[in-house]
Protein backbone atom coordinates (compact mmCIF):
# COMPACT_ATOMS: atom_id res chain seq x y z
CA UNK A 1 0.00 0.00 0.00
CA UNK A 2 1.54 3.32 -1.02
CA UNK A 3 1.28 6.31 1.25
CA UNK A 4 2.97 8.97 -0.83
CA UNK A 5 1.30 8.62 -4.15
CA UNK A 6 -1.63 10.79 -4.97
CA UNK A 7 -4.02 9.58 -7.52
CA UNK A 8 -6.12 11.97 -9.50
CA UNK A 9 -9.28 10.16 -8.40
CA UNK A 10 -8.45 9.27 -4.80
CA UNK A 11 -7.64 11.19 -1.71
CA UNK A 12 -4.70 10.39 0.55
CA UNK A 13 -5.00 6.99 2.11
CA UNK A 14 -4.52 5.79 5.68
CA UNK A 15 -6.18 8.81 7.28
CA UNK A 16 -3.23 11.17 6.78
CA UNK A 17 -3.94 14.79 6.38
CA UNK A 18 -1.96 16.75 3.80
CA UNK A 19 0.95 17.98 6.03
CA UNK A 20 1.45 14.58 7.66
CA UNK A 21 1.39 12.77 4.33
CA UNK A 22 3.86 15.24 2.85
CA UNK A 23 6.27 14.77 5.78
CA UNK A 24 6.03 10.99 5.52
CA UNK A 25 6.84 11.14 1.79
CA UNK A 26 9.80 13.48 2.31
CA UNK A 27 11.24 11.22 5.03
CA UNK A 28 11.11 8.23 2.73
CA UNK A 29 12.75 9.95 -0.25
CA UNK A 30 15.83 11.62 1.27
CA UNK A 31 18.59 10.97 3.78
CA UNK A 32 19.06 13.11 6.81
CA UNK A 33 22.24 15.15 7.27
CA UNK A 34 23.36 12.95 10.17
CA UNK A 35 23.12 9.83 8.04
CA UNK A 36 25.11 11.46 5.22
CA UNK A 37 27.83 12.57 7.66
CA UNK A 38 28.11 9.09 9.19
CA UNK A 39 28.44 7.49 5.76
CA UNK A 40 31.07 10.06 4.74
CA UNK A 41 33.07 9.39 7.92
CA UNK A 42 32.92 5.63 7.36
CA UNK A 43 33.96 6.07 3.73
CA UNK A 44 36.88 8.29 4.76
CA UNK A 45 38.05 5.69 7.29
CA UNK A 46 37.82 3.00 4.60
CA UNK A 47 39.85 5.02 2.08
CA UNK A 48 42.54 5.94 4.61
CA UNK A 49 42.88 2.34 5.80
CA UNK A 50 43.10 1.10 2.20
CA UNK A 51 45.98 3.49 1.45
CA UNK A 52 47.73 2.48 4.68
CA UNK A 53 47.37 -1.19 3.76
CA UNK A 54 48.83 -0.56 0.29
CA UNK A 55 51.78 1.32 1.80
CA UNK A 56 52.36 -1.41 4.37
CA UNK A 57 52.30 -4.11 1.69
CA UNK A 58 54.79 -2.13 -0.43
CA UNK A 59 57.21 -1.78 2.48
CA UNK A 60 56.86 -5.45 3.39
CA UNK A 61 57.46 -6.61 -0.16
CA UNK A 62 60.56 -4.43 -0.58
CA UNK A 63 61.92 -5.73 2.75
CA UNK A 64 61.27 -9.31 1.61
CA UNK A 65 63.02 -8.60 -1.72
CA UNK A 66 66.09 -7.32 0.12
CA UNK A 67 66.10 -10.32 2.46
CA UNK A 68 65.75 -12.74 -0.48
CA UNK A 69 68.64 -11.05 -2.31
CA UNK A 70 70.81 -11.25 0.82
CA UNK A 71 69.96 -14.94 1.23
CA UNK A 72 70.85 -15.59 -2.43
CA UNK A 73 74.25 -13.91 -2.02
CA UNK A 74 75.04 -15.98 1.09
CA UNK A 75 73.86 -19.21 -0.60
CA UNK A 76 76.11 -18.42 -3.57
CA UNK A 77 79.07 -18.06 -1.19
CA UNK A 78 78.21 -21.43 0.40
CA UNK A 79 78.17 -23.01 -3.06
CA UNK A 80 81.54 -21.45 -3.90
CA UNK A 81 83.12 -22.83 -0.73
CA UNK A 82 81.60 -26.29 -1.15
CA UNK A 83 82.89 -26.40 -4.73
CA UNK A 84 86.46 -25.55 -3.65
CA UNK A 85 88.99 -28.36 -3.37
CA UNK A 86 89.18 -29.62 0.19
CA UNK A 87 92.85 -30.16 0.96
CA UNK A 88 93.67 -29.40 4.61
CA UNK A 89 95.82 -27.80 5.98
CA UNK A 90 95.83 -25.57 2.87
CA UNK A 91 94.10 -22.18 3.12
CA UNK A 92 91.31 -21.63 4.16
CA UNK A 93 90.92 -25.10 5.67
CA UNK A 94 93.65 -24.84 8.31
CA UNK A 95 94.08 -26.57 11.64
CA UNK A 96 92.76 -23.53 13.53
CA UNK A 97 89.73 -21.30 13.09
CA UNK A 98 90.03 -18.65 10.39
CA UNK A 99 87.83 -16.01 8.77
CA UNK A 100 87.49 -14.55 5.31
CA UNK A 101 85.64 -11.26 4.65
CA UNK A 102 84.21 -10.18 1.29
CA UNK A 103 81.96 -7.31 0.27
CA UNK A 104 78.84 -7.82 -1.85
CA UNK A 105 75.92 -5.66 -2.92
CA UNK A 106 72.18 -6.18 -3.25
CA UNK A 107 69.10 -4.16 -4.27
CA UNK A 108 69.48 -2.66 -7.74
CA UNK A 109 68.02 0.77 -8.48
CA UNK A 110 64.96 1.09 -10.74
CA UNK A 111 67.11 1.43 -13.86
CA UNK A 112 69.01 -1.73 -12.90
CA UNK A 113 72.40 -0.07 -13.38
CA UNK A 114 73.82 0.30 -9.86
CA UNK A 115 73.51 -1.42 -6.49
CA UNK A 116 71.93 0.48 -3.62
CA UNK A 117 72.94 -1.62 -0.60
CA UNK A 118 76.44 -2.96 -0.08
CA UNK A 119 77.34 -5.22 2.80
CA UNK A 120 79.86 -7.73 4.05
CA UNK A 121 80.05 -11.51 3.83
CA UNK A 122 82.09 -13.11 6.63
CA UNK A 123 83.07 -16.76 6.15
CA UNK A 124 84.33 -18.50 9.28
CA UNK A 125 86.11 -21.88 9.03
CA UNK A 126 86.36 -24.09 12.14
CA UNK A 127 87.87 -27.57 12.19
CA UNK A 128 85.53 -30.30 13.47
CA UNK A 129 85.80 -34.10 13.56
CA UNK A 130 83.98 -34.54 10.23
CA UNK A 131 85.95 -31.85 8.35
CA UNK A 132 85.44 -28.09 8.66
CA UNK A 133 82.35 -26.27 9.85
CA UNK A 134 81.80 -23.24 7.62
CA UNK A 135 79.59 -20.43 8.95
CA UNK A 136 78.76 -17.67 6.49
CA UNK A 137 77.13 -14.47 7.70
CA UNK A 138 75.95 -11.70 5.40
CA UNK A 139 75.14 -8.30 6.89
CA UNK A 140 73.49 -5.58 4.82
CA UNK A 141 72.54 -2.17 6.32
CA UNK A 142 69.13 -1.26 4.89
CA UNK A 143 67.24 1.95 5.62
CA UNK A 144 64.80 0.45 8.13
CA UNK A 145 66.97 -2.07 9.98
CA UNK A 146 69.99 -4.18 8.99
CA UNK A 147 69.48 -7.56 7.37
CA UNK A 148 71.63 -10.38 8.70
CA UNK A 149 71.62 -13.86 7.13
CA UNK A 150 73.62 -16.83 8.47
CA UNK A 151 74.10 -20.25 6.89
CA UNK A 152 76.25 -23.19 8.00
CA UNK A 153 77.64 -26.22 6.22
CA UNK A 154 80.25 -28.91 6.78
CA UNK A 155 82.98 -29.28 4.17
CA UNK A 156 85.09 -32.44 3.98
CA UNK A 157 86.57 -34.81 1.42
CA UNK A 158 83.05 -35.92 0.42
CA UNK A 159 81.83 -32.35 -0.36
CA UNK A 160 80.75 -31.03 -3.73
CA UNK A 161 83.97 -30.28 -5.64
CA UNK A 162 85.92 -33.37 -4.54
CA UNK A 163 86.92 -36.21 -6.87
C-alpha atoms as a PDB file:
ATOM      1  CA  UNK A   1       0.000   0.000   0.000  1.00  0.00           C
ATOM      2  CA  UNK A   2       1.537   3.324  -1.021  1.00  0.00           C
ATOM      3  CA  UNK A   3       1.278   6.314   1.245  1.00  0.00           C
ATOM      4  CA  UNK A   4       2.973   8.970  -0.834  1.00  0.00           C
ATOM      5  CA  UNK A   5       1.302   8.616  -4.149  1.00  0.00           C
ATOM      6  CA  UNK A   6      -1.635  10.789  -4.969  1.00  0.00           C
ATOM      7  CA  UNK A   7      -4.024   9.576  -7.520  1.00  0.00           C
ATOM      8  CA  UNK A   8      -6.118  11.968  -9.497  1.00  0.00           C
ATOM      9  CA  UNK A   9      -9.283  10.160  -8.398  1.00  0.00           C
ATOM     10  CA  UNK A  10      -8.448   9.273  -4.802  1.00  0.00           C
ATOM     11  CA  UNK A  11      -7.637  11.193  -1.713  1.00  0.00           C
ATOM     12  CA  UNK A  12      -4.695  10.390   0.550  1.00  0.00           C
ATOM     13  CA  UNK A  13      -5.005   6.986   2.112  1.00  0.00           C
ATOM     14  CA  UNK A  14      -4.519   5.788   5.681  1.00  0.00           C
ATOM     15  CA  UNK A  15      -6.176   8.810   7.282  1.00  0.00           C
ATOM     16  CA  UNK A  16      -3.229  11.170   6.784  1.00  0.00           C
ATOM     17  CA  UNK A  17      -3.940  14.787   6.375  1.00  0.00           C
ATOM     18  CA  UNK A  18      -1.958  16.747   3.799  1.00  0.00           C
ATOM     19  CA  UNK A  19       0.952  17.979   6.029  1.00  0.00           C
ATOM     20  CA  UNK A  20       1.449  14.582   7.658  1.00  0.00           C
ATOM     21  CA  UNK A  21       1.389  12.770   4.332  1.00  0.00           C
ATOM     22  CA  UNK A  22       3.860  15.236   2.854  1.00  0.00           C
ATOM     23  CA  UNK A  23       6.273  14.767   5.776  1.00  0.00           C
ATOM     24  CA  UNK A  24       6.027  10.988   5.519  1.00  0.00           C
ATOM     25  CA  UNK A  25       6.844  11.141   1.792  1.00  0.00           C
ATOM     26  CA  UNK A  26       9.797  13.479   2.314  1.00  0.00           C
ATOM     27  CA  UNK A  27      11.244  11.219   5.032  1.00  0.00           C
ATOM     28  CA  UNK A  28      11.112   8.226   2.730  1.00  0.00           C
ATOM     29  CA  UNK A  29      12.747   9.952  -0.253  1.00  0.00           C
ATOM     30  CA  UNK A  30      15.829  11.624   1.267  1.00  0.00           C
ATOM     31  CA  UNK A  31      18.595  10.973   3.776  1.00  0.00           C
ATOM     32  CA  UNK A  32      19.063  13.105   6.809  1.00  0.00           C
ATOM     33  CA  UNK A  33      22.237  15.154   7.269  1.00  0.00           C
ATOM     34  CA  UNK A  34      23.356  12.952  10.174  1.00  0.00           C
ATOM     35  CA  UNK A  35      23.122   9.829   8.040  1.00  0.00           C
ATOM     36  CA  UNK A  36      25.111  11.456   5.220  1.00  0.00           C
ATOM     37  CA  UNK A  37      27.830  12.572   7.655  1.00  0.00           C
ATOM     38  CA  UNK A  38      28.106   9.094   9.194  1.00  0.00           C
ATOM     39  CA  UNK A  39      28.438   7.494   5.762  1.00  0.00           C
ATOM     40  CA  UNK A  40      31.065  10.055   4.744  1.00  0.00           C
ATOM     41  CA  UNK A  41      33.072   9.386   7.921  1.00  0.00           C
ATOM     42  CA  UNK A  42      32.925   5.633   7.363  1.00  0.00           C
ATOM     43  CA  UNK A  43      33.964   6.066   3.728  1.00  0.00           C
ATOM     44  CA  UNK A  44      36.881   8.295   4.765  1.00  0.00           C
ATOM     45  CA  UNK A  45      38.048   5.691   7.289  1.00  0.00           C
ATOM     46  CA  UNK A  46      37.819   2.998   4.602  1.00  0.00           C
ATOM     47  CA  UNK A  47      39.848   5.021   2.078  1.00  0.00           C
ATOM     48  CA  UNK A  48      42.544   5.942   4.611  1.00  0.00           C
ATOM     49  CA  UNK A  49      42.879   2.343   5.803  1.00  0.00           C
ATOM     50  CA  UNK A  50      43.097   1.096   2.201  1.00  0.00           C
ATOM     51  CA  UNK A  51      45.976   3.490   1.447  1.00  0.00           C
ATOM     52  CA  UNK A  52      47.728   2.482   4.680  1.00  0.00           C
ATOM     53  CA  UNK A  53      47.366  -1.189   3.758  1.00  0.00           C
ATOM     54  CA  UNK A  54      48.826  -0.563   0.294  1.00  0.00           C
ATOM     55  CA  UNK A  55      51.779   1.318   1.805  1.00  0.00           C
ATOM     56  CA  UNK A  56      52.357  -1.415   4.372  1.00  0.00           C
ATOM     57  CA  UNK A  57      52.304  -4.111   1.687  1.00  0.00           C
ATOM     58  CA  UNK A  58      54.786  -2.130  -0.430  1.00  0.00           C
ATOM     59  CA  UNK A  59      57.208  -1.777   2.481  1.00  0.00           C
ATOM     60  CA  UNK A  60      56.861  -5.446   3.394  1.00  0.00           C
ATOM     61  CA  UNK A  61      57.458  -6.614  -0.158  1.00  0.00           C
ATOM     62  CA  UNK A  62      60.559  -4.430  -0.583  1.00  0.00           C
ATOM     63  CA  UNK A  63      61.919  -5.725   2.745  1.00  0.00           C
ATOM     64  CA  UNK A  64      61.271  -9.305   1.608  1.00  0.00           C
ATOM     65  CA  UNK A  65      63.020  -8.605  -1.718  1.00  0.00           C
ATOM     66  CA  UNK A  66      66.094  -7.321   0.124  1.00  0.00           C
ATOM     67  CA  UNK A  67      66.097 -10.322   2.455  1.00  0.00           C
ATOM     68  CA  UNK A  68      65.752 -12.738  -0.480  1.00  0.00           C
ATOM     69  CA  UNK A  69      68.637 -11.051  -2.306  1.00  0.00           C
ATOM     70  CA  UNK A  70      70.813 -11.255   0.823  1.00  0.00           C
ATOM     71  CA  UNK A  71      69.960 -14.941   1.227  1.00  0.00           C
ATOM     72  CA  UNK A  72      70.847 -15.592  -2.426  1.00  0.00           C
ATOM     73  CA  UNK A  73      74.254 -13.906  -2.015  1.00  0.00           C
ATOM     74  CA  UNK A  74      75.037 -15.976   1.091  1.00  0.00           C
ATOM     75  CA  UNK A  75      73.865 -19.205  -0.597  1.00  0.00           C
ATOM     76  CA  UNK A  76      76.114 -18.425  -3.569  1.00  0.00           C
ATOM     77  CA  UNK A  77      79.073 -18.062  -1.194  1.00  0.00           C
ATOM     78  CA  UNK A  78      78.213 -21.427   0.400  1.00  0.00           C
ATOM     79  CA  UNK A  79      78.170 -23.015  -3.056  1.00  0.00           C
ATOM     80  CA  UNK A  80      81.542 -21.453  -3.896  1.00  0.00           C
ATOM     81  CA  UNK A  81      83.120 -22.835  -0.730  1.00  0.00           C
ATOM     82  CA  UNK A  82      81.596 -26.287  -1.146  1.00  0.00           C
ATOM     83  CA  UNK A  83      82.887 -26.404  -4.733  1.00  0.00           C
ATOM     84  CA  UNK A  84      86.457 -25.554  -3.649  1.00  0.00           C
ATOM     85  CA  UNK A  85      88.987 -28.361  -3.372  1.00  0.00           C
ATOM     86  CA  UNK A  86      89.182 -29.618   0.194  1.00  0.00           C
ATOM     87  CA  UNK A  87      92.853 -30.158   0.964  1.00  0.00           C
ATOM     88  CA  UNK A  88      93.672 -29.397   4.613  1.00  0.00           C
ATOM     89  CA  UNK A  89      95.819 -27.795   5.977  1.00  0.00           C
ATOM     90  CA  UNK A  90      95.827 -25.568   2.874  1.00  0.00           C
ATOM     91  CA  UNK A  91      94.098 -22.180   3.121  1.00  0.00           C
ATOM     92  CA  UNK A  92      91.305 -21.631   4.162  1.00  0.00           C
ATOM     93  CA  UNK A  93      90.916 -25.098   5.673  1.00  0.00           C
ATOM     94  CA  UNK A  94      93.652 -24.840   8.308  1.00  0.00           C
ATOM     95  CA  UNK A  95      94.080 -26.575  11.640  1.00  0.00           C
ATOM     96  CA  UNK A  96      92.765 -23.528  13.527  1.00  0.00           C
ATOM     97  CA  UNK A  97      89.733 -21.301  13.086  1.00  0.00           C
ATOM     98  CA  UNK A  98      90.035 -18.650  10.386  1.00  0.00           C
ATOM     99  CA  UNK A  99      87.827 -16.013   8.774  1.00  0.00           C
ATOM    100  CA  UNK A 100      87.485 -14.552   5.312  1.00  0.00           C
ATOM    101  CA  UNK A 101      85.645 -11.262   4.654  1.00  0.00           C
ATOM    102  CA  UNK A 102      84.206 -10.180   1.290  1.00  0.00           C
ATOM    103  CA  UNK A 103      81.964  -7.315   0.270  1.00  0.00           C
ATOM    104  CA  UNK A 104      78.844  -7.823  -1.854  1.00  0.00           C
ATOM    105  CA  UNK A 105      75.923  -5.657  -2.923  1.00  0.00           C
ATOM    106  CA  UNK A 106      72.182  -6.180  -3.251  1.00  0.00           C
ATOM    107  CA  UNK A 107      69.101  -4.157  -4.273  1.00  0.00           C
ATOM    108  CA  UNK A 108      69.484  -2.660  -7.737  1.00  0.00           C
ATOM    109  CA  UNK A 109      68.020   0.766  -8.485  1.00  0.00           C
ATOM    110  CA  UNK A 110      64.959   1.090 -10.739  1.00  0.00           C
ATOM    111  CA  UNK A 111      67.110   1.433 -13.855  1.00  0.00           C
ATOM    112  CA  UNK A 112      69.013  -1.732 -12.899  1.00  0.00           C
ATOM    113  CA  UNK A 113      72.397  -0.068 -13.383  1.00  0.00           C
ATOM    114  CA  UNK A 114      73.821   0.296  -9.863  1.00  0.00           C
ATOM    115  CA  UNK A 115      73.513  -1.420  -6.494  1.00  0.00           C
ATOM    116  CA  UNK A 116      71.928   0.484  -3.620  1.00  0.00           C
ATOM    117  CA  UNK A 117      72.938  -1.618  -0.597  1.00  0.00           C
ATOM    118  CA  UNK A 118      76.436  -2.955  -0.077  1.00  0.00           C
ATOM    119  CA  UNK A 119      77.336  -5.219   2.799  1.00  0.00           C
ATOM    120  CA  UNK A 120      79.864  -7.728   4.049  1.00  0.00           C
ATOM    121  CA  UNK A 121      80.049 -11.508   3.830  1.00  0.00           C
ATOM    122  CA  UNK A 122      82.086 -13.108   6.626  1.00  0.00           C
ATOM    123  CA  UNK A 123      83.066 -16.764   6.146  1.00  0.00           C
ATOM    124  CA  UNK A 124      84.332 -18.504   9.285  1.00  0.00           C
ATOM    125  CA  UNK A 125      86.107 -21.883   9.026  1.00  0.00           C
ATOM    126  CA  UNK A 126      86.358 -24.090  12.143  1.00  0.00           C
ATOM    127  CA  UNK A 127      87.870 -27.569  12.190  1.00  0.00           C
ATOM    128  CA  UNK A 128      85.534 -30.303  13.474  1.00  0.00           C
ATOM    129  CA  UNK A 129      85.802 -34.103  13.564  1.00  0.00           C
ATOM    130  CA  UNK A 130      83.975 -34.536  10.231  1.00  0.00           C
ATOM    131  CA  UNK A 131      85.950 -31.846   8.351  1.00  0.00           C
ATOM    132  CA  UNK A 132      85.436 -28.093   8.661  1.00  0.00           C
ATOM    133  CA  UNK A 133      82.345 -26.271   9.849  1.00  0.00           C
ATOM    134  CA  UNK A 134      81.803 -23.237   7.622  1.00  0.00           C
ATOM    135  CA  UNK A 135      79.594 -20.429   8.947  1.00  0.00           C
ATOM    136  CA  UNK A 136      78.760 -17.667   6.488  1.00  0.00           C
ATOM    137  CA  UNK A 137      77.128 -14.468   7.700  1.00  0.00           C
ATOM    138  CA  UNK A 138      75.949 -11.696   5.397  1.00  0.00           C
ATOM    139  CA  UNK A 139      75.142  -8.299   6.892  1.00  0.00           C
ATOM    140  CA  UNK A 140      73.490  -5.576   4.822  1.00  0.00           C
ATOM    141  CA  UNK A 141      72.545  -2.165   6.324  1.00  0.00           C
ATOM    142  CA  UNK A 142      69.134  -1.261   4.893  1.00  0.00           C
ATOM    143  CA  UNK A 143      67.237   1.945   5.615  1.00  0.00           C
ATOM    144  CA  UNK A 144      64.799   0.450   8.128  1.00  0.00           C
ATOM    145  CA  UNK A 145      66.967  -2.074   9.981  1.00  0.00           C
ATOM    146  CA  UNK A 146      69.986  -4.176   8.990  1.00  0.00           C
ATOM    147  CA  UNK A 147      69.481  -7.560   7.369  1.00  0.00           C
ATOM    148  CA  UNK A 148      71.628 -10.383   8.696  1.00  0.00           C
ATOM    149  CA  UNK A 149      71.618 -13.858   7.128  1.00  0.00           C
ATOM    150  CA  UNK A 150      73.619 -16.826   8.472  1.00  0.00           C
ATOM    151  CA  UNK A 151      74.099 -20.255   6.887  1.00  0.00           C
ATOM    152  CA  UNK A 152      76.249 -23.191   8.002  1.00  0.00           C
ATOM    153  CA  UNK A 153      77.640 -26.223   6.217  1.00  0.00           C
ATOM    154  CA  UNK A 154      80.249 -28.913   6.778  1.00  0.00           C
ATOM    155  CA  UNK A 155      82.981 -29.277   4.172  1.00  0.00           C
ATOM    156  CA  UNK A 156      85.091 -32.443   3.979  1.00  0.00           C
ATOM    157  CA  UNK A 157      86.565 -34.806   1.421  1.00  0.00           C
ATOM    158  CA  UNK A 158      83.046 -35.916   0.416  1.00  0.00           C
ATOM    159  CA  UNK A 159      81.825 -32.355  -0.360  1.00  0.00           C
ATOM    160  CA  UNK A 160      80.749 -31.030  -3.733  1.00  0.00           C
ATOM    161  CA  UNK A 161      83.973 -30.280  -5.641  1.00  0.00           C
ATOM    162  CA  UNK A 162      85.920 -33.366  -4.541  1.00  0.00           C
ATOM    163  CA  UNK A 163      86.925 -36.210  -6.867  1.00  0.00           C
END
